[in-house]
Structures are given as C-alpha cells and as structure tokens.
C-alpha cells in the first residue's frame, strides 16, 4: 500500500542500523532496520533529522 521512497540521507554504515524515511499519507517518518521508528512528522526534513539523530546515537556521527 505504501512504498518506501529512496532518500539521499540513507545511512548504511552498519547492517543493523540502516535508516530511511517512509511516507504515510501526509506524514513522513524515519525507520531503521533495527526496528526503531521515529515520530510521524509533516516535515520531511524533520523526519530526516530524526534518522540522522538515530544514526549518530547508534553508529557515531554520519560522515
């Protein structure tokens, strides 16, 4: 029903923590392969920031 859209902010440095953004209607949320999911946001930029924050907390700062 909903498709994950490619995102240039995808981080794939560790197999256990690959983040992406998913659109659900008018909302966007960050997801990680570890099972973590961010809050639903109307701002895609804020969802990307959530993904960046999760990535930094689990893998260190993004390059």
N, C-alpha and C. Protein backbone atom coordinates (compact mmCIF):
# COMPACT_ATOMS: atom_id res chain seq x y z
N UNK A 1 0.83 -1.18 0.00
CA UNK A 1 0.00 0.00 0.00
C UNK A 1 0.88 1.25 0.00
N UNK A 2 1.83 1.33 0.91
CA UNK A 2 2.76 2.46 0.94
C UNK A 2 4.12 1.98 0.50
N UNK A 3 4.82 2.82 -0.22
CA UNK A 3 6.14 2.45 -0.70
C UNK A 3 7.20 3.27 0.00
N UNK A 4 8.33 2.63 0.27
CA UNK A 4 9.47 3.37 0.81
C UNK A 4 10.13 4.08 -0.36
N UNK A 5 10.39 5.36 -0.19
CA UNK A 5 10.99 6.13 -1.26
C UNK A 5 12.48 6.27 -1.02
N UNK A 6 13.29 6.20 -2.07
CA UNK A 6 14.73 6.38 -1.90
C UNK A 6 15.01 7.75 -1.30
N UNK A 7 15.98 7.81 -0.44
CA UNK A 7 16.29 9.06 0.25
C UNK A 7 17.80 9.26 0.26
N UNK A 8 18.29 10.43 -0.13
CA UNK A 8 19.74 10.66 -0.13
C UNK A 8 20.34 10.67 1.26
N UNK A 9 19.50 10.68 2.30
CA UNK A 9 20.00 10.70 3.67
C UNK A 9 20.08 9.30 4.27
N UNK A 10 20.00 8.26 3.42
CA UNK A 10 20.07 6.89 3.92
C UNK A 10 21.49 6.62 4.39
N UNK A 11 21.58 6.05 5.59
CA UNK A 11 22.88 5.70 6.15
C UNK A 11 22.99 4.19 6.19
N UNK A 12 24.05 3.65 5.63
CA UNK A 12 24.20 2.21 5.60
C UNK A 12 25.58 1.77 6.09
N UNK A 13 26.09 2.40 7.13
CA UNK A 13 27.42 2.06 7.61
C UNK A 13 27.44 0.78 8.43
N UNK A 14 26.35 0.43 9.06
CA UNK A 14 26.28 -0.80 9.86
C UNK A 14 25.03 -1.55 9.45
N UNK A 15 25.15 -2.85 9.17
CA UNK A 15 23.98 -3.61 8.71
C UNK A 15 22.81 -3.55 9.69
N UNK A 16 23.07 -3.43 10.97
CA UNK A 16 21.99 -3.42 11.95
C UNK A 16 21.28 -2.07 12.02
N UNK A 17 21.87 -1.02 11.45
CA UNK A 17 21.27 0.31 11.55
C UNK A 17 21.31 1.02 10.19
N UNK A 18 20.35 0.73 9.35
CA UNK A 18 20.21 1.41 8.07
C UNK A 18 18.92 2.20 8.14
N UNK A 19 19.02 3.53 8.09
CA UNK A 19 17.84 4.37 8.23
C UNK A 19 17.33 4.83 6.88
N UNK A 20 16.03 5.07 6.84
CA UNK A 20 15.37 5.60 5.65
C UNK A 20 14.13 6.35 6.10
N UNK A 21 13.48 7.02 5.18
CA UNK A 21 12.22 7.69 5.50
C UNK A 21 11.09 7.03 4.73
N UNK A 22 9.92 7.02 5.34
CA UNK A 22 8.73 6.40 4.76
C UNK A 22 7.60 7.41 4.81
N UNK A 23 6.86 7.52 3.73
CA UNK A 23 5.72 8.43 3.69
C UNK A 23 4.44 7.65 3.95
N UNK A 24 3.63 8.18 4.85
CA UNK A 24 2.32 7.61 5.18
C UNK A 24 1.30 8.73 5.05
N UNK A 25 0.66 8.80 3.92
CA UNK A 25 -0.29 9.89 3.68
C UNK A 25 0.44 11.21 3.68
N UNK A 26 0.00 12.15 4.51
CA UNK A 26 0.65 13.46 4.56
C UNK A 26 1.78 13.50 5.59
N UNK A 27 2.11 12.35 6.16
CA UNK A 27 3.16 12.29 7.17
C UNK A 27 4.37 11.54 6.64
N UNK A 28 5.50 11.79 7.25
CA UNK A 28 6.76 11.14 6.91
C UNK A 28 7.39 10.69 8.23
N UNK A 29 7.97 9.50 8.25
CA UNK A 29 8.64 9.07 9.46
C UNK A 29 9.94 8.36 9.11
N UNK A 30 10.86 8.39 10.04
CA UNK A 30 12.14 7.72 9.87
C UNK A 30 12.02 6.30 10.40
N UNK A 31 12.69 5.37 9.74
CA UNK A 31 12.72 3.98 10.18
C UNK A 31 14.14 3.46 10.09
N UNK A 32 14.39 2.44 10.90
CA UNK A 32 15.71 1.81 10.91
C UNK A 32 15.52 0.30 10.85
N UNK A 33 16.49 -0.39 10.27
CA UNK A 33 16.41 -1.84 10.17
C UNK A 33 16.49 -2.52 11.52
N UNK A 34 16.91 -1.81 12.57
CA UNK A 34 16.97 -2.39 13.91
C UNK A 34 15.59 -2.47 14.56
N UNK A 35 14.58 -1.84 13.93
CA UNK A 35 13.23 -1.84 14.47
C UNK A 35 12.79 -0.49 15.00
N UNK A 36 13.71 0.43 15.15
CA UNK A 36 13.39 1.77 15.63
C UNK A 36 12.54 2.50 14.59
N UNK A 37 11.62 3.32 15.07
CA UNK A 37 10.80 4.14 14.19
C UNK A 37 10.61 5.50 14.86
N UNK A 38 10.81 6.54 14.10
CA UNK A 38 10.65 7.89 14.63
C UNK A 38 9.19 8.31 14.63
N UNK A 39 8.95 9.46 15.17
CA UNK A 39 7.60 10.03 15.21
C UNK A 39 7.15 10.40 13.80
N UNK A 40 5.84 10.33 13.56
CA UNK A 40 5.29 10.78 12.29
C UNK A 40 5.37 12.30 12.24
N UNK A 41 5.94 12.81 11.18
CA UNK A 41 6.14 14.26 11.03
C UNK A 41 5.50 14.74 9.74
N UNK A 42 5.01 15.95 9.75
CA UNK A 42 4.56 16.57 8.50
C UNK A 42 5.77 17.10 7.73
N UNK A 43 6.84 17.38 8.44
CA UNK A 43 8.06 17.89 7.82
C UNK A 43 8.99 16.74 7.45
N UNK A 44 9.24 16.57 6.15
CA UNK A 44 10.18 15.53 5.71
C UNK A 44 11.58 15.82 6.24
N UNK A 45 11.93 17.10 6.30
CA UNK A 45 13.25 17.48 6.81
C UNK A 45 13.42 17.04 8.27
N UNK A 46 12.37 17.21 9.07
CA UNK A 46 12.44 16.80 10.48
C UNK A 46 12.54 15.27 10.60
N UNK A 47 11.86 14.54 9.73
CA UNK A 47 11.98 13.08 9.73
C UNK A 47 13.40 12.66 9.38
N UNK A 48 14.02 13.36 8.42
CA UNK A 48 15.43 13.07 8.08
C UNK A 48 16.35 13.37 9.25
N UNK A 49 16.06 14.46 9.98
CA UNK A 49 16.85 14.80 11.16
C UNK A 49 16.69 13.71 12.22
N UNK A 50 15.49 13.18 12.39
CA UNK A 50 15.27 12.07 13.32
C UNK A 50 16.15 10.88 12.93
N UNK A 51 16.19 10.57 11.63
CA UNK A 51 17.02 9.46 11.15
C UNK A 51 18.50 9.74 11.41
N UNK A 52 18.95 10.97 11.14
CA UNK A 52 20.34 11.35 11.39
C UNK A 52 20.68 11.23 12.87
N UNK A 53 19.76 11.67 13.73
CA UNK A 53 19.99 11.59 15.18
C UNK A 53 20.08 10.14 15.65
N UNK A 54 19.21 9.28 15.13
CA UNK A 54 19.26 7.86 15.50
C UNK A 54 20.57 7.24 15.02
N UNK A 55 20.95 7.58 13.80
CA UNK A 55 22.20 7.03 13.24
C UNK A 55 23.40 7.47 14.08
N UNK A 56 23.44 8.72 14.47
CA UNK A 56 24.55 9.23 15.28
C UNK A 56 24.56 8.56 16.67
N UNK A 57 23.39 8.31 17.23
CA UNK A 57 23.32 7.69 18.55
C UNK A 57 23.75 6.23 18.52
N UNK A 58 23.56 5.56 17.41
CA UNK A 58 23.88 4.14 17.33
C UNK A 58 25.21 3.83 16.64
N UNK A 59 25.64 4.69 15.73
CA UNK A 59 26.85 4.41 14.95
C UNK A 59 27.90 5.51 15.03
N UNK A 60 27.64 6.55 15.74
CA UNK A 60 28.54 7.69 15.72
C UNK A 60 28.09 8.65 14.64
N UNK A 61 28.70 9.83 14.57
CA UNK A 61 28.27 10.86 13.60
C UNK A 61 28.39 10.37 12.16
N UNK A 62 27.45 10.82 11.33
CA UNK A 62 27.49 10.49 9.90
C UNK A 62 28.65 11.21 9.25
N UNK A 63 29.20 10.59 8.23
CA UNK A 63 30.34 11.18 7.51
C UNK A 63 29.89 12.22 6.52
